[in-house]
Amino acid sequence: MATSTLADCLRPGDRVLIGQACGEPVGLVADLFEQAARLGHLNVFCGYSLNPAWENQVPDSLHVTTYCGLGTMGKLLARQGARLVPSSLSQLSAQLRSRKLAVDVVLLQVSPADAEGYHSLGCAVDYAWDAVQVARQVVVEVNLNMPTTRGAPRLHSSKVLVARQSNAPLLESLVEEPGDLQRQLARHVASLVPDGATLQLGIGSLARAIAEELQSRRGLKVRSGMVGDWFLSLLASGAIDTGAPNACLGSLAVGSQHLYNTLSCDSLLGFAQPALLAQPIAGSPMMAINSAIEVDLSGQVNAEWLGERYVGAVGGQTDYFRAARASAGGLAILALTSSTGRGASRIIQHCNRVTSTYCDVDVIVTEHGVADIRATTLQERCQLIAAIASPEHRDALLQSGQK
């Protein structure tokens, strides 16, 4: 069915958007690769991917673009197999809705249809929903393991072409045990988060460490573009607000099979589009906690580039930082270890490439402490930020900041 369906609905020159993370239809992508030569030239947009297929040779007829260097997309970018469209998540949604970023066909992985004929987008609700509204055709892979999740947009079976049925496990992203420096950093971050706060946190070992330090909090809410297994640890500890409607919403669940197995239409964690998440909740200060590759002495943040390699993303960092700063009592928190694994300082004199500006960040945290840069001069910022660098780099940073 997949062969004939793709051939029938794809035209040479089409602009094809593929769902990201668990929304990526792995089987359809494999079919697309196999049939690419017969389908003709196609422009393909794919975001954060857990699919190892992108690590292999991509057919020449597929011209791939992406907004991020995360997961296997990062490896494709590194070997110049994809082109970069740098965008925040809010920009992507707006560009898709306005057709500035045009899409003809959307390929998605969805849940089986319910009794009313609706498929859930499951644990991947993002800009793909905006593309669905404007695309000529939506082609889906129905995966028996994709959960029907709470609050997520739904697709009626009459509006899609079902090209594949699958029972493949959802792709996992397992997190390493946090190191000692990350745990020390997490303790400093946790000291800024009060009971009743709204938490935005990413994925990875640092996010896990921060969540572990927050287990003694109570009444926490969640508004997060990505939600990992840390949510389960906070829920088990009693830290999460279980009483308020829609206390916990995410856009992408990215983690272990255990996390995916907990998701359903009755789960505490619901799903919504990113634009609905990056908004303050009255009476609950938003704590937007994000990391980066480096930060400079003025508070400018680079979360995308490692030298000449694109390895990160703008993602939701700027959106959530600005939402936190619009929240009464909220904080835009940048958390990063002070040095790389090789000992180079991640606090530098000047960022040549900037993801978040020095007006977007409230607090910078390393394992050496907290630099609150609100209402500070550039000279004061230099002193505060250099003070949380690794001790061996502080003098050089202070001297460079005085120039």
Protein backbone atom coordinates (compact mmCIF):
# COMPACT_ATOMS: atom_id res chain seq x y z
CA MET A 1 0.00 0.00 0.00
CA ALA A 2 2.80 2.42 0.87
CA THR A 3 4.39 2.11 -2.57
CA SER A 4 1.25 2.90 -4.51
CA THR A 5 0.07 5.57 -2.06
CA LEU A 6 3.33 7.55 -2.11
CA ALA A 7 3.50 7.31 -5.88
CA ASP A 8 -0.08 8.50 -6.20
CA CYS A 9 0.13 11.48 -3.82
CA LEU A 10 3.68 12.78 -4.36
CA ARG A 11 4.55 14.84 -7.41
CA PRO A 12 8.02 15.85 -8.62
CA GLY A 13 9.00 19.12 -6.93
CA ASP A 14 6.66 18.62 -3.98
CA ARG A 15 7.57 20.10 -0.61
CA VAL A 16 7.22 17.34 1.97
CA LEU A 17 7.21 17.91 5.74
CA ILE A 18 8.01 14.90 7.92
CA GLY A 19 6.92 14.74 11.56
CA GLN A 20 9.69 14.94 14.15
CA ALA A 21 10.67 12.84 17.17
CA CYS A 22 7.96 10.20 17.76
CA GLY A 23 5.83 11.87 15.10
CA GLU A 24 8.27 10.72 12.40
CA PRO A 25 6.80 7.79 10.42
CA VAL A 26 9.88 5.61 10.25
CA GLY A 27 8.32 3.11 7.87
CA LEU A 28 7.18 5.81 5.46
CA VAL A 29 10.62 7.40 5.52
CA ALA A 30 12.10 4.03 4.58
CA ASP A 31 9.60 3.76 1.73
CA LEU A 32 10.42 7.29 0.64
CA PHE A 33 14.13 6.47 0.50
CA GLU A 34 13.48 3.27 -1.43
CA GLN A 35 11.21 4.90 -3.99
CA ALA A 36 12.97 8.27 -4.23
CA ALA A 37 14.48 7.69 -7.68
CA ARG A 38 11.04 6.88 -9.11
CA LEU A 39 9.27 9.73 -7.32
CA GLY A 40 11.48 12.47 -8.76
CA HIS A 41 12.96 15.55 -7.09
CA LEU A 42 11.38 16.30 -3.68
CA ASN A 43 12.08 19.00 -1.09
CA VAL A 44 11.96 17.42 2.36
CA PHE A 45 11.76 19.24 5.70
CA CYS A 46 12.52 17.23 8.83
CA GLY A 47 13.26 18.48 12.34
CA TYR A 48 14.58 16.67 15.41
CA SER A 49 14.98 13.03 14.44
CA LEU A 50 15.69 9.83 16.36
CA ASN A 51 15.63 7.83 13.13
CA PRO A 52 19.00 6.20 12.26
CA ALA A 53 18.05 6.18 8.57
CA TRP A 54 19.32 9.78 8.27
CA GLU A 55 22.80 8.57 9.27
CA ASN A 56 22.97 6.60 6.01
CA GLN A 57 23.17 7.86 2.46
CA VAL A 58 20.12 9.95 1.61
CA PRO A 59 18.91 9.60 -2.01
CA ASP A 60 20.14 12.41 -4.25
CA SER A 61 16.60 13.27 -5.35
CA LEU A 62 15.65 14.26 -1.79
CA HIS A 63 16.75 17.80 -0.97
CA VAL A 64 16.59 17.98 2.82
CA THR A 65 16.24 21.05 5.04
CA THR A 66 16.00 21.21 8.82
CA TYR A 67 15.79 23.77 11.62
CA CYS A 68 18.03 21.87 14.02
CA GLY A 69 21.24 19.93 14.50
CA LEU A 70 19.75 17.58 17.07
CA GLY A 71 19.67 13.80 16.89
CA THR A 72 20.44 12.19 13.57
CA MET A 73 19.67 15.43 11.71
CA GLY A 74 22.87 16.81 13.22
CA LYS A 75 24.89 14.07 11.56
CA LEU A 76 23.24 14.77 8.23
CA LEU A 77 24.06 18.47 8.54
CA ALA A 78 27.64 17.66 9.50
CA ARG A 79 28.24 15.84 6.23
CA GLN A 80 26.41 18.56 4.27
CA GLY A 81 23.50 16.28 3.44
CA ALA A 82 20.96 18.88 4.59
CA ARG A 83 20.55 22.64 4.53
CA LEU A 84 19.71 24.74 7.56
CA VAL A 85 16.67 26.98 7.99
CA PRO A 86 17.38 28.62 11.38
CA SER A 87 14.06 29.31 13.11
CA SER A 88 12.47 29.33 16.51
CA LEU A 89 9.47 27.07 17.00
CA SER A 90 7.11 30.05 17.01
CA GLN A 91 8.60 31.26 13.73
CA LEU A 92 8.20 27.82 12.14
CA SER A 93 4.53 27.69 13.03
CA ALA A 94 3.90 31.20 11.71
CA GLN A 95 5.85 30.54 8.50
CA LEU A 96 3.91 27.34 7.85
CA ARG A 97 0.53 28.95 8.48
CA SER A 98 1.34 31.87 6.17
CA ARG A 99 2.81 29.49 3.55
CA LYS A 100 6.09 31.40 3.62
CA LEU A 101 7.48 27.93 4.32
CA ALA A 102 5.34 26.10 1.82
CA VAL A 103 4.28 22.46 2.28
CA ASP A 104 2.41 20.26 -0.18
CA VAL A 105 2.42 16.91 1.64
CA VAL A 106 2.80 16.00 5.31
CA LEU A 107 4.03 12.57 6.46
CA LEU A 108 3.11 11.72 10.06
CA GLN A 109 2.97 8.86 12.53
CA VAL A 110 -0.34 8.72 14.39
CA SER A 111 -2.33 6.53 16.75
CA PRO A 112 -5.02 4.09 15.59
CA ALA A 113 -8.37 5.78 14.98
CA ASP A 114 -10.83 5.88 17.86
CA ALA A 115 -14.51 4.94 17.69
CA GLU A 116 -15.30 8.28 16.07
CA GLY A 117 -12.61 7.86 13.42
CA TYR A 118 -10.05 10.27 14.90
CA HIS A 119 -6.30 9.65 15.00
CA SER A 120 -4.27 11.26 17.78
CA LEU A 121 -0.91 12.90 17.08
CA GLY A 122 0.16 11.17 20.27
CA CYS A 123 3.33 12.43 21.91
CA ALA A 124 4.42 14.71 19.05
CA VAL A 125 2.28 17.84 18.81
CA ASP A 126 4.15 20.71 17.19
CA TYR A 127 4.47 22.77 14.03
CA ALA A 128 3.40 19.74 11.97
CA TRP A 129 -0.16 20.58 12.96
CA ASP A 130 0.24 23.97 11.28
CA ALA A 131 1.49 22.21 8.15
CA VAL A 132 -1.52 19.89 8.21
CA GLN A 133 -3.83 22.90 7.90
CA VAL A 134 -2.29 24.10 4.63
CA ALA A 135 -0.98 20.94 2.94
CA ARG A 136 -2.58 19.39 -0.12
CA GLN A 137 -2.37 15.93 1.39
CA VAL A 138 -1.65 14.31 4.77
CA VAL A 139 -0.23 10.80 4.61
CA VAL A 140 0.00 8.79 7.82
CA GLU A 141 1.59 5.70 9.25
CA VAL A 142 -0.72 4.25 11.90
CA ASN A 143 1.35 2.82 14.74
CA LEU A 144 -0.37 0.61 17.29
CA ASN A 145 2.16 1.81 19.89
CA MET A 146 1.42 5.51 19.46
CA PRO A 147 -0.72 6.52 22.45
CA THR A 148 -3.89 8.54 22.20
CA THR A 149 -2.92 11.50 24.35
CA ARG A 150 -4.89 14.08 26.28
CA GLY A 151 -5.65 17.43 24.71
CA ALA A 152 -3.74 16.78 21.52
CA PRO A 153 -5.15 17.83 18.13
CA ARG A 154 -6.80 15.01 16.26
CA LEU A 155 -6.97 14.04 12.59
CA HIS A 156 -10.11 12.44 11.21
CA SER A 157 -9.53 9.38 9.07
CA SER A 158 -11.51 11.03 6.25
CA LYS A 159 -8.82 13.74 6.01
CA VAL A 160 -5.77 11.49 5.66
CA LEU A 161 -4.34 8.74 3.51
CA VAL A 162 -3.27 5.75 5.53
CA ALA A 163 -0.17 4.47 3.76
CA ARG A 164 1.17 2.11 6.41
CA GLN A 165 0.24 0.13 9.49
CA SER A 166 2.94 -0.47 12.08
CA ASN A 167 3.53 -1.96 15.50
CA ALA A 168 7.14 -0.80 15.78
CA PRO A 169 8.26 0.48 19.20
CA LEU A 170 8.46 4.24 19.44
CA LEU A 171 12.03 5.47 19.09
CA GLU A 172 13.69 6.09 22.44
CA SER A 173 16.19 8.69 23.64
CA LEU A 174 17.83 7.35 26.77
CA VAL A 175 19.59 9.73 29.16
CA GLU A 176 22.96 9.17 30.75
CA GLU A 177 23.45 9.38 34.51
CA PRO A 178 24.25 13.00 35.45
CA GLY A 179 27.84 13.70 36.45
CA ASP A 180 28.99 15.42 39.65
CA LEU A 181 29.31 18.83 37.99
CA GLN A 182 25.82 18.57 36.54
CA ARG A 183 24.42 17.67 39.95
CA GLN A 184 26.15 20.64 41.57
CA LEU A 185 24.82 22.87 38.80
CA ALA A 186 21.35 21.41 39.30
CA ARG A 187 21.41 22.28 43.00
CA HIS A 188 22.05 25.92 42.17
CA VAL A 189 19.24 25.93 39.59
CA ALA A 190 16.80 24.28 41.99
CA SER A 191 17.45 27.00 44.58
CA LEU A 192 15.75 29.46 42.19
CA VAL A 193 12.54 27.43 41.72
CA PRO A 194 9.77 28.00 44.30
CA ASP A 195 6.79 25.82 45.12
CA GLY A 196 3.93 26.35 42.69
CA ALA A 197 6.17 27.42 39.80
CA THR A 198 5.62 26.52 36.16
CA LEU A 199 8.57 24.51 34.86
CA GLN A 200 10.01 24.51 31.36
CA LEU A 201 12.84 22.02 31.05
CA GLY A 202 14.41 20.25 28.12
CA ILE A 203 15.75 16.73 27.85
CA GLY A 204 19.11 15.17 28.65
CA SER A 205 21.15 14.42 31.73
CA LEU A 206 21.18 18.01 33.02
CA ALA A 207 17.37 18.17 32.85
CA ARG A 208 17.27 14.88 34.75
CA ALA A 209 19.61 16.23 37.42
CA ILE A 210 17.55 19.41 37.85
CA ALA A 211 14.31 17.44 38.17
CA GLU A 212 15.88 15.22 40.83
CA GLU A 213 16.79 18.32 42.84
CA LEU A 214 13.19 19.57 42.58
CA GLN A 215 11.53 16.48 44.05
CA SER A 216 10.92 18.22 47.37
CA ARG A 217 8.92 21.02 45.70
CA ARG A 218 5.15 20.97 45.69
CA GLY A 219 2.53 22.24 43.26
CA LEU A 220 4.80 22.43 40.21
CA LYS A 221 3.17 22.87 36.82
CA VAL A 222 4.74 22.04 33.46
CA ARG A 223 4.80 23.93 30.17
CA SER A 224 7.60 22.41 28.15
CA GLY A 225 8.34 21.92 24.48
CA MET A 226 10.16 18.69 25.26
CA VAL A 227 9.31 16.41 28.17
CA GLY A 228 11.57 13.56 29.19
CA ASP A 229 11.50 10.85 31.84
CA TRP A 230 12.19 13.55 34.43
CA PHE A 231 8.44 14.19 34.44
CA LEU A 232 7.81 10.73 35.88
CA SER A 233 10.31 11.27 38.70
CA LEU A 234 8.70 14.60 39.63
CA LEU A 235 5.25 13.02 39.52
CA ALA A 236 6.31 10.07 41.68
CA SER A 237 7.88 12.39 44.26
CA GLY A 238 4.69 14.39 44.71
CA ALA A 239 6.20 17.57 43.27
CA ILE A 240 3.64 17.95 40.48
CA ASP A 241 0.30 19.73 40.83
CA THR A 242 -2.23 16.96 40.22
CA GLY A 243 -5.33 19.00 40.98
CA ALA A 244 -5.43 21.89 38.52
CA PRO A 245 -6.84 21.24 35.03
CA ASN A 246 -4.12 21.22 32.39
CA ALA A 247 -1.43 21.73 35.02
CA CYS A 248 1.03 19.83 32.85
CA LEU A 249 1.33 20.24 29.09
CA GLY A 250 4.10 19.38 26.66
CA SER A 251 4.68 19.37 22.94
CA LEU A 252 7.05 16.44 22.43
CA ALA A 253 7.62 13.48 24.73
CA VAL A 254 11.14 12.21 24.12
CA GLY A 255 12.48 9.50 26.37
CA SER A 256 12.13 5.85 27.26
CA GLN A 257 9.47 3.29 26.46
CA HIS A 258 8.42 3.58 30.10
CA LEU A 259 7.56 7.24 29.54
CA TYR A 260 5.58 6.48 26.39
CA ASN A 261 3.69 3.68 28.14
CA THR A 262 2.37 6.13 30.76
CA LEU A 263 0.75 8.38 28.17
CA SER A 264 -2.95 8.17 27.41
CA CYS A 265 -6.04 10.36 27.15
CA ASP A 266 -6.29 10.10 30.95
CA SER A 267 -2.67 10.98 31.75
CA LEU A 268 -1.77 14.00 33.84
CA LEU A 269 0.58 15.08 31.04
CA GLY A 270 -1.38 16.53 28.15
CA PHE A 271 -0.17 17.83 24.80
CA ALA A 272 -0.62 21.12 22.98
CA GLN A 273 1.02 23.16 20.24
CA PRO A 274 4.13 25.13 21.27
CA ALA A 275 2.40 28.53 20.90
CA LEU A 276 -0.05 27.53 23.62
CA LEU A 277 2.74 26.47 25.97
CA ALA A 278 5.06 29.48 25.90
CA GLN A 279 2.62 31.61 27.86
CA PRO A 280 2.59 32.60 31.53
CA ILE A 281 0.07 31.04 33.92
CA ALA A 282 -1.53 33.49 36.34
CA GLY A 283 -0.27 32.99 39.87
CA SER A 284 2.48 30.57 38.85
CA PRO A 285 5.89 32.08 38.02
CA MET A 286 7.38 30.50 34.91
CA MET A 287 10.88 29.10 35.32
CA ALA A 288 12.28 28.67 31.81
CA ILE A 289 15.44 26.59 32.19
CA ASN A 290 17.57 26.14 29.10
CA SER A 291 21.18 25.27 28.36
CA ALA A 292 23.68 26.34 25.74
CA ILE A 293 27.07 25.69 24.20
CA GLU A 294 28.54 28.95 25.49
CA VAL A 295 27.65 32.33 26.97
CA ASP A 296 29.64 35.54 26.86
CA LEU A 297 30.42 38.18 29.47
CA SER A 298 27.45 40.33 28.42
CA GLY A 299 24.97 37.45 28.71
CA GLN A 300 24.64 36.62 25.02
CA VAL A 301 23.92 32.92 24.43
CA ASN A 302 25.04 30.52 21.70
CA ALA A 303 22.93 27.36 21.80
CA GLU A 304 23.50 26.33 18.18
CA TRP A 305 27.06 26.38 16.91
CA LEU A 306 30.08 24.34 18.01
CA GLY A 307 32.80 26.04 16.01
CA GLU A 308 31.62 25.71 12.41
CA ARG A 309 29.28 22.79 13.13
CA TYR A 310 25.57 23.31 13.71
CA VAL A 311 24.72 20.99 16.59
CA GLY A 312 21.82 22.68 18.42
CA ALA A 313 18.75 24.72 17.62
CA VAL A 314 16.97 27.94 18.42
CA GLY A 315 14.01 25.72 19.22
CA GLY A 316 11.85 27.13 21.97
CA GLN A 317 14.61 28.84 23.95
CA THR A 318 13.81 32.41 22.94
CA ASP A 319 10.05 31.78 23.11
CA TYR A 320 10.18 30.41 26.65
CA PHE A 321 12.72 32.94 27.91
CA ARG A 322 10.43 35.75 26.82
CA ALA A 323 7.38 34.04 28.31
CA ALA A 324 9.23 33.69 31.62
CA ARG A 325 10.18 37.36 31.63
CA ALA A 326 6.52 38.25 31.05
CA SER A 327 5.51 36.08 34.01
CA ALA A 328 5.16 37.69 37.45
CA GLY A 329 8.10 36.32 39.42
CA GLY A 330 9.29 34.26 36.47
CA LEU A 331 12.92 33.76 35.49
CA ALA A 332 14.75 33.09 32.22
CA ILE A 333 17.48 30.77 33.50
CA LEU A 334 20.50 29.72 31.47
CA ALA A 335 22.22 26.68 32.98
CA LEU A 336 25.51 25.26 31.72
CA THR A 337 28.66 23.73 33.13
CA SER A 338 31.49 26.24 33.20
CA SER A 339 33.90 24.19 31.08
CA THR A 340 33.84 21.59 28.33
CA GLY A 341 35.03 18.06 28.93
CA ARG A 342 38.43 19.14 27.62
CA GLY A 343 38.68 22.05 30.04
CA ALA A 344 37.89 24.93 27.67
CA SER A 345 35.77 27.67 29.21
CA ARG A 346 32.15 27.81 28.12
CA ILE A 347 32.05 31.37 29.37
CA ILE A 348 33.81 33.43 26.73
CA GLN A 349 34.55 37.07 26.00
CA HIS A 350 32.18 37.40 23.04
CA CYS A 351 29.74 35.11 21.22
CA ASN A 352 30.11 35.42 17.47
CA ARG A 353 26.78 33.67 16.97
CA VAL A 354 23.86 34.54 19.22
CA THR A 355 20.73 32.50 19.93
CA SER A 356 19.36 34.50 22.87
CA THR A 357 20.35 38.12 23.38
CA TYR A 358 21.59 39.67 26.61
CA CYS A 359 18.09 41.13 27.01
CA ASP A 360 16.51 37.65 27.08
CA VAL A 361 18.40 36.15 30.02
CA ASP A 362 17.76 36.87 33.71
CA VAL A 363 20.07 34.45 35.48
CA ILE A 364 23.12 32.43 34.43
CA VAL A 365 24.02 29.36 36.48
CA THR A 366 27.08 27.12 36.51
CA GLU A 367 28.34 24.63 39.06
CA HIS A 368 30.20 27.55 40.65
CA GLY A 369 27.13 29.62 41.43
CA VAL A 370 24.42 31.98 40.20
CA ALA A 371 24.87 35.26 38.30
CA ASP A 372 21.73 37.39 38.43
CA ILE A 373 22.28 39.87 35.60
CA ARG A 374 18.97 41.70 35.80
CA ALA A 375 19.26 45.49 36.00
CA THR A 376 23.05 45.39 35.69
CA THR A 377 25.49 47.41 33.59
CA LEU A 378 27.73 45.65 31.11
CA GLN A 379 30.66 46.15 33.47
CA GLU A 380 28.72 44.59 36.35
CA ARG A 381 27.65 41.69 34.18
CA CYS A 382 31.24 40.98 33.28
CA GLN A 383 32.16 40.71 36.96
CA LEU A 384 29.16 38.56 37.85
CA ILE A 385 29.48 36.14 34.95
CA ALA A 386 33.27 35.78 35.24
CA ALA A 387 32.81 34.93 38.92
CA ILE A 388 30.94 31.70 38.02
CA ALA A 389 33.49 30.58 35.43
CA SER A 390 36.00 27.87 36.24
CA PRO A 391 38.60 29.36 38.60
CA GLU A 392 41.45 28.83 36.16
CA HIS A 393 39.71 30.99 33.54
CA ARG A 394 38.42 33.84 35.72
CA ASP A 395 41.41 36.19 35.62
CA ALA A 396 41.72 35.97 31.84
CA LEU A 397 38.00 36.60 31.43
CA LEU A 398 38.07 39.62 33.73
CA GLN A 399 41.04 41.07 31.86
CA SER A 400 39.36 40.50 28.48
CA GLY A 401 36.13 42.06 29.79
CA GLN A 402 37.96 45.26 30.68
CA LYS A 403 39.10 45.84 27.11
